[in-house]
Amino acid sequence: MKMTLRSATMASVLAVCAHQAAANCDTVRMAEPGWTDLALTTGIASTVLEGLGYTPESDVLGIPVIYESMVGNDLDVFLGYWDPAMETYYQAYRDSGDIETVHQNLEGAKFTFAVPKFVYEAGVSDFSHLVENADKFNSQMYGIEPGSNDIMLNIVAKDAFGLGGWKVIESSEQGMLAQVKKNQRKEDWIVFLAWAPHPMNTQFELEYLTGGDDFYGPNFGGATVHTQVRKGYLEECPNVGKLITQMTFDIPMESEGMGYILEEGLDPNDAGAKLLKTHPEYLDAWLDGVTTKDGGDGLDAVRAHLGL
C-alpha cells in the first residue's frame, strides 16, 4: 500500500509537471530588434505557429535586452543572430551556455558600411577613405536603433580609421533609410549601415565599402543568420523546437517579404502570411514531422490557416 501511494504520488507530480511544461509551450515568446528582415522572419514564424494552435508573442527590443531576457526566461526564441556581426553581443552568453544557437536559417547575408553610388564613384570605396572626406560627411555616420550600433560606436571609440571625432546618428531603420533617400535625391554625401537581404539594395544605388573586416568580418560583413533559444528550450518544447530548427529562409524570399512591409505598409504578420500564400512550397520542409499543438497534422493545419 505504501509503495502504491508513493507511486500514485509520483505519477501525480509527473502529470502536473508535464501539464505545466505543455502549458509553458502554448505561448512562444519571441523578440526582434526592429530590423525589417527580422520583423519579417518573426512574422512568418508567428503565422505558422498560429496555424499550429500556439500563441506567438513578439516584442521589439535592443539586442542586449533580448539576450538578457532570454537568460531571465522572459523570451524563448530569437531568429536573428547575425554571425559574425553580433559576435560581440553573443560571446558571453555562448561561453556561459545560457543561450543556444540551434539552426542556421539564412546564408549569403552581408552587413557593413555603405555609401550612395555617386559617393563611391567620387573615390570613397573603403573605410579608410571616410576621414579624408570628413567635411563632406559632416563627420557623421548613420545607424539604426540604439542598442544595434555597437560596432559602429566601437569604431568611433577606438578612433579606428581616424573616425574618433565622428558622431553616430541613431534613430531607426526607417529613419536611417529616409535620410539616405533624402541625401541621395539631393546628392548630399552620407555613410550608413547597410545589409542584405533588404529592399534598399534595389531601392537605392548604393555600394558597400571594403576595409571593415576587423569589425564586420570579411566579404562586406558576409554573414549567416541563426536561430537561438534560451537554454533547454528545445527539450522543453520539442514540437516548436522541430519547427524552428527546420525553418530556413533565403535572400530572394526575405527581400520580397521585406518589400511588403516597407513598400506596401503591411505589418510583419500580414507580410509573412502573404509571402507564404505566394510561396507555399516552403511549408513542406518546415513542417515535416511537426504537429499542431494538439497533435494533429501540422502541414494541413497551417495550409488551412492560410486559406490554401
C-alpha atoms as a PDB file:
ATOM      1  CA  MET A   1       0.000   0.000   0.000  1.00  0.00           C
ATOM      2  CA  LYS A   2       2.847   2.349   0.871  1.00  0.00           C
ATOM      3  CA  MET A   3       4.520   1.630  -2.470  1.00  0.00           C
ATOM      4  CA  THR A   4       1.203   2.164  -4.265  1.00  0.00           C
ATOM      5  CA  LEU A   5       0.669   5.537  -2.597  1.00  0.00           C
ATOM      6  CA  ARG A   6       4.212   6.595  -3.384  1.00  0.00           C
ATOM      7  CA  SER A   7       3.783   5.526  -6.996  1.00  0.00           C
ATOM      8  CA  ALA A   8       0.490   7.365  -7.220  1.00  0.00           C
ATOM      9  CA  THR A   9       2.047  10.474  -5.709  1.00  0.00           C
ATOM     10  CA  MET A  10       4.976  10.318  -8.118  1.00  0.00           C
ATOM     11  CA  ALA A  11       2.592   9.840 -11.024  1.00  0.00           C
ATOM     12  CA  SER A  12       0.595  12.884  -9.924  1.00  0.00           C
ATOM     13  CA  VAL A  13       3.712  15.002  -9.626  1.00  0.00           C
ATOM     14  CA  LEU A  14       4.911  13.922 -13.051  1.00  0.00           C
ATOM     15  CA  ALA A  15       1.493  14.627 -14.532  1.00  0.00           C
ATOM     16  CA  VAL A  16       1.456  18.117 -13.039  1.00  0.00           C
ATOM     17  CA  CYS A  17       4.984  18.790 -14.314  1.00  0.00           C
ATOM     18  CA  ALA A  18       4.069  17.522 -17.762  1.00  0.00           C
ATOM     19  CA  HIS A  19       0.990  19.725 -17.796  1.00  0.00           C
ATOM     20  CA  GLN A  20       2.999  22.754 -16.708  1.00  0.00           C
ATOM     21  CA  ALA A  21       5.628  22.081 -19.380  1.00  0.00           C
ATOM     22  CA  ALA A  22       2.934  21.776 -22.031  1.00  0.00           C
ATOM     23  CA  ALA A  23       1.253  24.954 -20.834  1.00  0.00           C
ATOM     24  CA  ASN A  24       4.563  26.811 -20.959  1.00  0.00           C
ATOM     25  CA  CYS A  25       4.926  25.794 -24.597  1.00  0.00           C
ATOM     26  CA  ASP A  26       1.482  27.106 -25.554  1.00  0.00           C
ATOM     27  CA  THR A  27       2.893  30.639 -25.831  1.00  0.00           C
ATOM     28  CA  VAL A  28       6.051  31.129 -27.870  1.00  0.00           C
ATOM     29  CA  ARG A  29       7.818  34.316 -26.798  1.00  0.00           C
ATOM     30  CA  MET A  30       9.995  35.952 -29.434  1.00  0.00           C
ATOM     31  CA  ALA A  31      11.663  39.314 -29.990  1.00  0.00           C
ATOM     32  CA  GLU A  32      13.449  41.203 -32.747  1.00  0.00           C
ATOM     33  CA  PRO A  33      15.453  44.450 -32.728  1.00  0.00           C
ATOM     34  CA  GLY A  34      13.292  46.436 -35.146  1.00  0.00           C
ATOM     35  CA  TRP A  35      15.127  45.346 -38.301  1.00  0.00           C
ATOM     36  CA  THR A  36      12.776  44.657 -41.184  1.00  0.00           C
ATOM     37  CA  ASP A  37      14.363  41.319 -42.099  1.00  0.00           C
ATOM     38  CA  LEU A  38      13.958  40.020 -38.564  1.00  0.00           C
ATOM     39  CA  ALA A  39      10.491  41.538 -38.239  1.00  0.00           C
ATOM     40  CA  LEU A  40       9.567  39.573 -41.361  1.00  0.00           C
ATOM     41  CA  THR A  41      11.026  36.228 -40.285  1.00  0.00           C
ATOM     42  CA  THR A  42       9.456  36.613 -36.850  1.00  0.00           C
ATOM     43  CA  GLY A  43       6.157  37.439 -38.558  1.00  0.00           C
ATOM     44  CA  ILE A  44       6.473  34.336 -40.726  1.00  0.00           C
ATOM     45  CA  ALA A  45       7.163  32.191 -37.671  1.00  0.00           C
ATOM     46  CA  SER A  46       4.225  33.774 -35.840  1.00  0.00           C
ATOM     47  CA  THR A  47       1.899  32.980 -38.744  1.00  0.00           C
ATOM     48  CA  VAL A  48       2.994  29.339 -38.840  1.00  0.00           C
ATOM     49  CA  LEU A  49       2.759  28.990 -35.056  1.00  0.00           C
ATOM     50  CA  GLU A  50      -0.760  30.416 -35.071  1.00  0.00           C
ATOM     51  CA  GLY A  51      -1.733  27.846 -37.681  1.00  0.00           C
ATOM     52  CA  LEU A  52      -0.411  25.132 -35.379  1.00  0.00           C
ATOM     53  CA  GLY A  53      -2.521  26.409 -32.487  1.00  0.00           C
ATOM     54  CA  TYR A  54       0.183  28.183 -30.493  1.00  0.00           C
ATOM     55  CA  THR A  55       0.069  31.759 -29.233  1.00  0.00           C
ATOM     56  CA  PRO A  56       3.102  33.635 -30.555  1.00  0.00           C
ATOM     57  CA  GLU A  57       4.230  36.852 -28.879  1.00  0.00           C
ATOM     58  CA  SER A  58       6.832  39.255 -30.253  1.00  0.00           C
ATOM     59  CA  ASP A  59       8.464  42.361 -28.811  1.00  0.00           C
ATOM     60  CA  VAL A  60      10.819  44.901 -30.372  1.00  0.00           C
ATOM     61  CA  LEU A  61      13.876  45.159 -28.116  1.00  0.00           C
ATOM     62  CA  GLY A  62      17.545  46.077 -28.368  1.00  0.00           C
ATOM     63  CA  ILE A  63      19.858  43.113 -28.876  1.00  0.00           C
ATOM     64  CA  PRO A  64      21.405  43.257 -25.358  1.00  0.00           C
ATOM     65  CA  VAL A  65      17.906  43.323 -23.859  1.00  0.00           C
ATOM     66  CA  ILE A  66      16.849  40.352 -25.999  1.00  0.00           C
ATOM     67  CA  TYR A  67      19.743  38.290 -24.687  1.00  0.00           C
ATOM     68  CA  GLU A  68      19.228  39.274 -21.062  1.00  0.00           C
ATOM     69  CA  SER A  69      15.516  38.469 -21.403  1.00  0.00           C
ATOM     70  CA  MET A  70      16.341  35.011 -22.753  1.00  0.00           C
ATOM     71  CA  VAL A  71      18.662  34.377 -19.837  1.00  0.00           C
ATOM     72  CA  GLY A  72      15.931  35.582 -17.481  1.00  0.00           C
ATOM     73  CA  ASN A  73      13.395  33.156 -19.000  1.00  0.00           C
ATOM     74  CA  ASP A  74      11.283  36.015 -20.343  1.00  0.00           C
ATOM     75  CA  LEU A  75      11.888  35.128 -24.020  1.00  0.00           C
ATOM     76  CA  ASP A  76      12.169  31.785 -25.786  1.00  0.00           C
ATOM     77  CA  VAL A  77      13.278  32.283 -29.396  1.00  0.00           C
ATOM     78  CA  PHE A  78      15.396  34.756 -31.379  1.00  0.00           C
ATOM     79  CA  LEU A  79      15.613  34.239 -35.157  1.00  0.00           C
ATOM     80  CA  GLY A  80      18.214  36.907 -35.830  1.00  0.00           C
ATOM     81  CA  TYR A  81      21.742  36.096 -34.689  1.00  0.00           C
ATOM     82  CA  TRP A  82      23.932  37.521 -37.469  1.00  0.00           C
ATOM     83  CA  ASP A  83      27.303  35.791 -37.355  1.00  0.00           C
ATOM     84  CA  PRO A  84      29.906  37.285 -37.125  1.00  0.00           C
ATOM     85  CA  ALA A  85      28.437  40.802 -36.861  1.00  0.00           C
ATOM     86  CA  MET A  86      26.756  40.059 -33.494  1.00  0.00           C
ATOM     87  CA  GLU A  87      29.651  38.086 -32.041  1.00  0.00           C
ATOM     88  CA  THR A  88      30.455  40.836 -29.543  1.00  0.00           C
ATOM     89  CA  TYR A  89      26.879  40.675 -28.211  1.00  0.00           C
ATOM     90  CA  TYR A  90      26.671  36.901 -28.027  1.00  0.00           C
ATOM     91  CA  GLN A  91      30.129  35.791 -26.874  1.00  0.00           C
ATOM     92  CA  ALA A  92      29.493  35.890 -23.125  1.00  0.00           C
ATOM     93  CA  TYR A  93      26.194  34.025 -23.437  1.00  0.00           C
ATOM     94  CA  ARG A  94      27.710  31.367 -25.682  1.00  0.00           C
ATOM     95  CA  ASP A  95      30.578  30.852 -23.251  1.00  0.00           C
ATOM     96  CA  SER A  96      28.178  30.509 -20.311  1.00  0.00           C
ATOM     97  CA  GLY A  97      25.809  28.229 -22.230  1.00  0.00           C
ATOM     98  CA  ASP A  98      22.787  30.348 -21.292  1.00  0.00           C
ATOM     99  CA  ILE A  99      21.741  30.836 -24.930  1.00  0.00           C
ATOM    100  CA  GLU A 100      21.887  28.089 -27.555  1.00  0.00           C
ATOM    101  CA  THR A 101      22.412  28.539 -31.285  1.00  0.00           C
ATOM    102  CA  VAL A 102      20.350  25.752 -32.835  1.00  0.00           C
ATOM    103  CA  HIS A 103      19.944  26.378 -36.577  1.00  0.00           C
ATOM    104  CA  GLN A 104      21.349  28.384 -39.475  1.00  0.00           C
ATOM    105  CA  ASN A 105      18.290  29.925 -41.102  1.00  0.00           C
ATOM    106  CA  LEU A 106      19.959  32.094 -43.774  1.00  0.00           C
ATOM    107  CA  GLU A 107      23.207  32.284 -45.722  1.00  0.00           C
ATOM    108  CA  GLY A 108      24.550  34.900 -48.122  1.00  0.00           C
ATOM    109  CA  ALA A 109      23.750  37.892 -45.934  1.00  0.00           C
ATOM    110  CA  LYS A 110      26.027  40.919 -45.572  1.00  0.00           C
ATOM    111  CA  PHE A 111      26.249  43.783 -43.094  1.00  0.00           C
ATOM    112  CA  THR A 112      28.640  46.760 -43.151  1.00  0.00           C
ATOM    113  CA  PHE A 113      29.001  50.438 -44.153  1.00  0.00           C
ATOM    114  CA  ALA A 114      27.688  51.675 -47.484  1.00  0.00           C
ATOM    115  CA  VAL A 115      27.533  54.933 -49.430  1.00  0.00           C
ATOM    116  CA  PRO A 116      25.448  56.112 -52.384  1.00  0.00           C
ATOM    117  CA  LYS A 117      26.920  55.126 -55.741  1.00  0.00           C
ATOM    118  CA  PHE A 118      27.789  58.746 -56.612  1.00  0.00           C
ATOM    119  CA  VAL A 119      29.907  58.941 -53.434  1.00  0.00           C
ATOM    120  CA  TYR A 120      31.614  55.654 -54.292  1.00  0.00           C
ATOM    121  CA  GLU A 121      32.372  56.868 -57.807  1.00  0.00           C
ATOM    122  CA  ALA A 122      33.861  60.043 -56.309  1.00  0.00           C
ATOM    123  CA  GLY A 123      36.528  57.887 -54.656  1.00  0.00           C
ATOM    124  CA  VAL A 124      35.070  56.626 -51.369  1.00  0.00           C
ATOM    125  CA  SER A 125      35.302  52.844 -51.702  1.00  0.00           C
ATOM    126  CA  ASP A 126      36.989  51.891 -48.419  1.00  0.00           C
ATOM    127  CA  PHE A 127      36.598  52.668 -44.707  1.00  0.00           C
ATOM    128  CA  SER A 128      39.954  54.450 -44.839  1.00  0.00           C
ATOM    129  CA  HIS A 129      38.591  56.993 -47.332  1.00  0.00           C
ATOM    130  CA  LEU A 130      35.960  58.349 -44.960  1.00  0.00           C
ATOM    131  CA  VAL A 131      38.199  60.547 -42.823  1.00  0.00           C
ATOM    132  CA  GLU A 132      39.706  62.128 -45.956  1.00  0.00           C
ATOM    133  CA  ASN A 133      36.228  63.443 -46.760  1.00  0.00           C
ATOM    134  CA  ALA A 134      35.028  64.213 -43.244  1.00  0.00           C
ATOM    135  CA  ASP A 135      33.705  67.647 -44.194  1.00  0.00           C
ATOM    136  CA  LYS A 136      31.502  66.222 -46.954  1.00  0.00           C
ATOM    137  CA  PHE A 137      30.046  63.688 -44.499  1.00  0.00           C
ATOM    138  CA  ASN A 138      29.757  66.316 -41.724  1.00  0.00           C
ATOM    139  CA  SER A 139      31.766  63.800 -39.668  1.00  0.00           C
ATOM    140  CA  GLN A 140      28.584  61.760 -39.210  1.00  0.00           C
ATOM    141  CA  MET A 141      27.638  58.149 -39.824  1.00  0.00           C
ATOM    142  CA  TYR A 142      24.072  56.872 -39.726  1.00  0.00           C
ATOM    143  CA  GLY A 143      22.947  53.822 -37.795  1.00  0.00           C
ATOM    144  CA  ILE A 144      19.651  52.313 -36.779  1.00  0.00           C
ATOM    145  CA  GLU A 145      18.016  51.660 -33.395  1.00  0.00           C
ATOM    146  CA  PRO A 146      20.014  52.389 -30.219  1.00  0.00           C
ATOM    147  CA  GLY A 147      21.408  49.087 -28.993  1.00  0.00           C
ATOM    148  CA  SER A 148      22.043  47.871 -32.551  1.00  0.00           C
ATOM    149  CA  ASN A 149      25.010  50.095 -33.460  1.00  0.00           C
ATOM    150  CA  ASP A 150      27.651  48.904 -31.009  1.00  0.00           C
ATOM    151  CA  ILE A 151      30.151  48.011 -33.742  1.00  0.00           C
ATOM    152  CA  MET A 152      29.796  51.447 -35.293  1.00  0.00           C
ATOM    153  CA  LEU A 153      30.171  53.082 -31.873  1.00  0.00           C
ATOM    154  CA  ASN A 154      33.200  50.890 -31.170  1.00  0.00           C
ATOM    155  CA  ILE A 155      34.875  52.128 -34.345  1.00  0.00           C
ATOM    156  CA  VAL A 156      34.449  55.696 -33.109  1.00  0.00           C
ATOM    157  CA  ALA A 157      35.546  54.854 -29.557  1.00  0.00           C
ATOM    158  CA  LYS A 158      38.740  53.209 -30.826  1.00  0.00           C
ATOM    159  CA  ASP A 159      39.435  56.017 -33.314  1.00  0.00           C
ATOM    160  CA  ALA A 160      39.653  53.325 -35.977  1.00  0.00           C
ATOM    161  CA  PHE A 161      40.266  54.711 -39.464  1.00  0.00           C
ATOM    162  CA  GLY A 162      40.697  58.141 -37.824  1.00  0.00           C
ATOM    163  CA  LEU A 163      36.956  58.331 -37.091  1.00  0.00           C
ATOM    164  CA  GLY A 164      37.296  59.096 -33.389  1.00  0.00           C
ATOM    165  CA  GLY A 165      35.675  62.507 -33.652  1.00  0.00           C
ATOM    166  CA  TRP A 166      32.695  61.367 -35.713  1.00  0.00           C
ATOM    167  CA  LYS A 167      29.115  61.245 -34.472  1.00  0.00           C
ATOM    168  CA  VAL A 168      26.894  58.195 -34.801  1.00  0.00           C
ATOM    169  CA  ILE A 169      23.326  59.215 -35.634  1.00  0.00           C
ATOM    170  CA  GLU A 170      20.973  56.640 -34.107  1.00  0.00           C
ATOM    171  CA  SER A 171      17.276  56.606 -34.963  1.00  0.00           C
ATOM    172  CA  SER A 172      15.609  53.574 -36.567  1.00  0.00           C
ATOM    173  CA  GLU A 173      15.914  51.527 -39.722  1.00  0.00           C
ATOM    174  CA  GLN A 174      13.113  53.539 -41.319  1.00  0.00           C
ATOM    175  CA  GLY A 175      14.581  56.826 -40.117  1.00  0.00           C
ATOM    176  CA  MET A 176      18.019  55.986 -41.462  1.00  0.00           C
ATOM    177  CA  LEU A 177      16.643  54.941 -44.847  1.00  0.00           C
ATOM    178  CA  ALA A 178      14.564  58.116 -45.067  1.00  0.00           C
ATOM    179  CA  GLN A 179      17.780  60.099 -44.555  1.00  0.00           C
ATOM    180  CA  VAL A 180      19.561  58.052 -47.232  1.00  0.00           C
ATOM    181  CA  LYS A 181      16.698  58.721 -49.659  1.00  0.00           C
ATOM    182  CA  LYS A 182      16.813  62.454 -48.920  1.00  0.00           C
ATOM    183  CA  ASN A 183      20.581  62.667 -49.319  1.00  0.00           C
ATOM    184  CA  GLN A 184      20.594  60.624 -52.490  1.00  0.00           C
ATOM    185  CA  ARG A 185      17.954  62.859 -54.041  1.00  0.00           C
ATOM    186  CA  LYS A 186      19.976  65.975 -53.178  1.00  0.00           C
ATOM    187  CA  GLU A 187      23.327  64.252 -53.895  1.00  0.00           C
ATOM    188  CA  ASP A 188      24.498  65.019 -50.373  1.00  0.00           C
ATOM    189  CA  TRP A 189      27.138  62.642 -49.045  1.00  0.00           C
ATOM    190  CA  ILE A 190      26.175  60.047 -46.430  1.00  0.00           C
ATOM    191  CA  VAL A 191      27.686  56.865 -44.971  1.00  0.00           C
ATOM    192  CA  PHE A 192      25.308  54.427 -43.319  1.00  0.00           C
ATOM    193  CA  LEU A 193      24.796  50.886 -42.090  1.00  0.00           C
ATOM    194  CA  ALA A 194      23.544  48.635 -44.885  1.00  0.00           C
ATOM    195  CA  TRP A 195      22.770  44.951 -45.221  1.00  0.00           C
ATOM    196  CA  ALA A 196      21.254  42.255 -47.381  1.00  0.00           C
ATOM    197  CA  PRO A 197      18.644  40.883 -47.575  1.00  0.00           C
ATOM    198  CA  HIS A 198      16.845  44.198 -47.802  1.00  0.00           C
ATOM    199  CA  PRO A 199      14.932  46.119 -50.485  1.00  0.00           C
ATOM    200  CA  MET A 200      17.374  49.013 -50.004  1.00  0.00           C
ATOM    201  CA  ASN A 201      19.709  47.122 -52.335  1.00  0.00           C
ATOM    202  CA  THR A 202      17.332  47.681 -55.247  1.00  0.00           C
ATOM    203  CA  GLN A 203      15.628  50.833 -53.980  1.00  0.00           C
ATOM    204  CA  PHE A 204      18.894  52.798 -53.808  1.00  0.00           C
ATOM    205  CA  GLU A 205      22.018  52.896 -55.928  1.00  0.00           C
ATOM    206  CA  LEU A 206      24.468  52.019 -53.158  1.00  0.00           C
ATOM    207  CA  GLU A 207      27.882  50.449 -52.811  1.00  0.00           C
ATOM    208  CA  TYR A 208      29.377  48.592 -49.836  1.00  0.00           C
ATOM    209  CA  LEU A 209      32.760  49.740 -48.510  1.00  0.00           C
ATOM    210  CA  THR A 210      35.791  47.490 -48.239  1.00  0.00           C
ATOM    211  CA  GLY A 211      38.192  47.628 -45.315  1.00  0.00           C
ATOM    212  CA  GLY A 212      35.871  46.872 -42.410  1.00  0.00           C
ATOM    213  CA  ASP A 213      36.861  43.228 -41.986  1.00  0.00           C
ATOM    214  CA  ASP A 214      38.260  43.649 -38.459  1.00  0.00           C
ATOM    215  CA  PHE A 215      34.889  44.925 -37.256  1.00  0.00           C
ATOM    216  CA  TYR A 216      32.213  43.435 -39.515  1.00  0.00           C
ATOM    217  CA  GLY A 217      34.053  40.432 -40.937  1.00  0.00           C
ATOM    218  CA  PRO A 218      35.246  39.627 -44.470  1.00  0.00           C
ATOM    219  CA  ASN A 219      33.217  39.760 -47.672  1.00  0.00           C
ATOM    220  CA  PHE A 220      31.455  43.001 -46.752  1.00  0.00           C
ATOM    221  CA  GLY A 221      30.410  41.620 -43.411  1.00  0.00           C
ATOM    222  CA  GLY A 222      29.337  38.407 -45.092  1.00  0.00           C
ATOM    223  CA  ALA A 223      27.137  36.631 -42.627  1.00  0.00           C
ATOM    224  CA  THR A 224      24.950  33.719 -41.842  1.00  0.00           C
ATOM    225  CA  VAL A 225      21.851  34.192 -39.706  1.00  0.00           C
ATOM    226  CA  HIS A 226      20.965  31.740 -36.969  1.00  0.00           C
ATOM    227  CA  THR A 227      18.085  30.774 -34.726  1.00  0.00           C
ATOM    228  CA  GLN A 228      18.793  30.925 -30.999  1.00  0.00           C
ATOM    229  CA  VAL A 229      16.827  29.770 -27.971  1.00  0.00           C
ATOM    230  CA  ARG A 230      17.100  30.076 -24.236  1.00  0.00           C
ATOM    231  CA  LYS A 231      18.924  27.182 -22.609  1.00  0.00           C
ATOM    232  CA  GLY A 232      16.865  23.997 -22.553  1.00  0.00           C
ATOM    233  CA  TYR A 233      14.002  25.260 -24.708  1.00  0.00           C
ATOM    234  CA  LEU A 234      14.249  22.537 -27.371  1.00  0.00           C
ATOM    235  CA  GLU A 235      13.941  19.864 -24.688  1.00  0.00           C
ATOM    236  CA  GLU A 236      11.014  21.624 -23.007  1.00  0.00           C
ATOM    237  CA  CYS A 237       9.107  22.276 -26.224  1.00  0.00           C
ATOM    238  CA  PRO A 238      10.276  19.692 -28.786  1.00  0.00           C
ATOM    239  CA  ASN A 239       7.478  20.264 -31.323  1.00  0.00           C
ATOM    240  CA  VAL A 240       8.132  24.004 -31.560  1.00  0.00           C
ATOM    241  CA  GLY A 241      11.821  23.167 -31.479  1.00  0.00           C
ATOM    242  CA  LYS A 242      11.465  20.895 -34.502  1.00  0.00           C
ATOM    243  CA  LEU A 243       9.702  23.671 -36.400  1.00  0.00           C
ATOM    244  CA  ILE A 244      12.241  26.401 -35.676  1.00  0.00           C
ATOM    245  CA  THR A 245      15.181  24.128 -36.482  1.00  0.00           C
ATOM    246  CA  GLN A 246      13.636  23.409 -39.898  1.00  0.00           C
ATOM    247  CA  MET A 247      12.657  26.977 -40.842  1.00  0.00           C
ATOM    248  CA  THR A 248      15.261  28.081 -43.401  1.00  0.00           C
ATOM    249  CA  PHE A 249      14.906  31.264 -45.441  1.00  0.00           C
ATOM    250  CA  ASP A 250      16.730  32.664 -48.471  1.00  0.00           C
ATOM    251  CA  ILE A 251      17.747  36.101 -49.745  1.00  0.00           C
ATOM    252  CA  PRO A 252      15.168  36.486 -52.564  1.00  0.00           C
ATOM    253  CA  MET A 253      12.338  35.326 -50.306  1.00  0.00           C
ATOM    254  CA  GLU A 254      13.226  37.718 -47.500  1.00  0.00           C
ATOM    255  CA  SER A 255      13.798  40.653 -49.832  1.00  0.00           C
ATOM    256  CA  GLU A 256      10.375  40.104 -51.371  1.00  0.00           C
ATOM    257  CA  GLY A 257       8.671  39.887 -47.998  1.00  0.00           C
ATOM    258  CA  MET A 258      10.503  42.924 -46.663  1.00  0.00           C
ATOM    259  CA  GLY A 259       9.144  44.851 -49.623  1.00  0.00           C
ATOM    260  CA  TYR A 260       5.623  44.034 -48.426  1.00  0.00           C
ATOM    261  CA  ILE A 261       6.468  45.754 -45.143  1.00  0.00           C
ATOM    262  CA  LEU A 262       8.466  48.725 -46.387  1.00  0.00           C
ATOM    263  CA  GLU A 263       6.695  49.468 -49.659  1.00  0.00           C
ATOM    264  CA  GLU A 264       3.150  48.188 -49.098  1.00  0.00           C
ATOM    265  CA  GLY A 265       2.910  49.039 -45.413  1.00  0.00           C
ATOM    266  CA  LEU A 266       1.865  45.569 -44.237  1.00  0.00           C
ATOM    267  CA  ASP A 267       2.585  44.602 -40.660  1.00  0.00           C
ATOM    268  CA  PRO A 268       5.079  41.723 -40.294  1.00  0.00           C
ATOM    269  CA  ASN A 269       2.477  39.028 -39.634  1.00  0.00           C
ATOM    270  CA  ASP A 270       0.412  40.045 -42.670  1.00  0.00           C
ATOM    271  CA  ALA A 271       3.569  40.240 -44.769  1.00  0.00           C
ATOM    272  CA  GLY A 272       4.555  36.776 -43.583  1.00  0.00           C
ATOM    273  CA  ALA A 273       1.132  35.389 -44.430  1.00  0.00           C
ATOM    274  CA  LYS A 274       1.174  36.977 -47.891  1.00  0.00           C
ATOM    275  CA  LEU A 275       4.637  35.597 -48.588  1.00  0.00           C
ATOM    276  CA  LEU A 276       3.619  32.080 -47.553  1.00  0.00           C
ATOM    277  CA  LYS A 277       0.475  32.242 -49.668  1.00  0.00           C
ATOM    278  CA  THR A 278       2.660  33.228 -52.621  1.00  0.00           C
ATOM    279  CA  HIS A 279       5.305  30.579 -51.852  1.00  0.00           C
ATOM    280  CA  PRO A 280       3.567  27.725 -50.006  1.00  0.00           C
ATOM    281  CA  GLU A 281       6.288  25.320 -51.145  1.00  0.00           C
ATOM    282  CA  TYR A 282       8.416  26.392 -48.171  1.00  0.00           C
ATOM    283  CA  LEU A 283       5.915  24.839 -45.777  1.00  0.00           C
ATOM    284  CA  ASP A 284       6.589  21.233 -46.800  1.00  0.00           C
ATOM    285  CA  ALA A 285      10.142  21.138 -45.438  1.00  0.00           C
ATOM    286  CA  TRP A 286       9.437  23.396 -42.466  1.00  0.00           C
ATOM    287  CA  LEU A 287       6.541  21.277 -41.210  1.00  0.00           C
ATOM    288  CA  ASP A 288       7.941  17.837 -41.917  1.00  0.00           C
ATOM    289  CA  GLY A 289       7.191  15.844 -38.756  1.00  0.00           C
ATOM    290  CA  VAL A 290       5.707  18.872 -36.977  1.00  0.00           C
ATOM    291  CA  THR A 291       2.263  18.530 -35.415  1.00  0.00           C
ATOM    292  CA  THR A 292      -0.295  21.025 -34.210  1.00  0.00           C
ATOM    293  CA  LYS A 293      -0.219  21.893 -30.536  1.00  0.00           C
ATOM    294  CA  ASP A 294      -2.868  19.204 -30.008  1.00  0.00           C
ATOM    295  CA  GLY A 295      -1.094  16.550 -32.067  1.00  0.00           C
ATOM    296  CA  GLY A 296      -2.822  16.973 -35.439  1.00  0.00           C
ATOM    297  CA  ASP A 297      -1.300  17.244 -38.890  1.00  0.00           C
ATOM    298  CA  GLY A 298       0.798  20.410 -38.855  1.00  0.00           C
ATOM    299  CA  LEU A 299       1.040  20.996 -42.594  1.00  0.00           C
ATOM    300  CA  ASP A 300      -2.697  20.619 -43.162  1.00  0.00           C
ATOM    301  CA  ALA A 301      -3.455  22.963 -40.258  1.00  0.00           C
ATOM    302  CA  VAL A 302      -1.125  25.717 -41.448  1.00  0.00           C
ATOM    303  CA  ARG A 303      -2.343  25.473 -45.031  1.00  0.00           C
ATOM    304  CA  ALA A 304      -5.911  25.768 -43.786  1.00  0.00           C
ATOM    305  CA  HIS A 305      -4.944  28.736 -41.604  1.00  0.00           C
ATOM    306  CA  LEU A 306      -3.547  30.457 -44.693  1.00  0.00           C
ATOM    307  CA  GLY A 307      -6.578  29.587 -46.806  1.00  0.00           C
ATOM    308  CA  LEU A 308      -4.560  27.401 -49.171  1.00  0.00           C
END
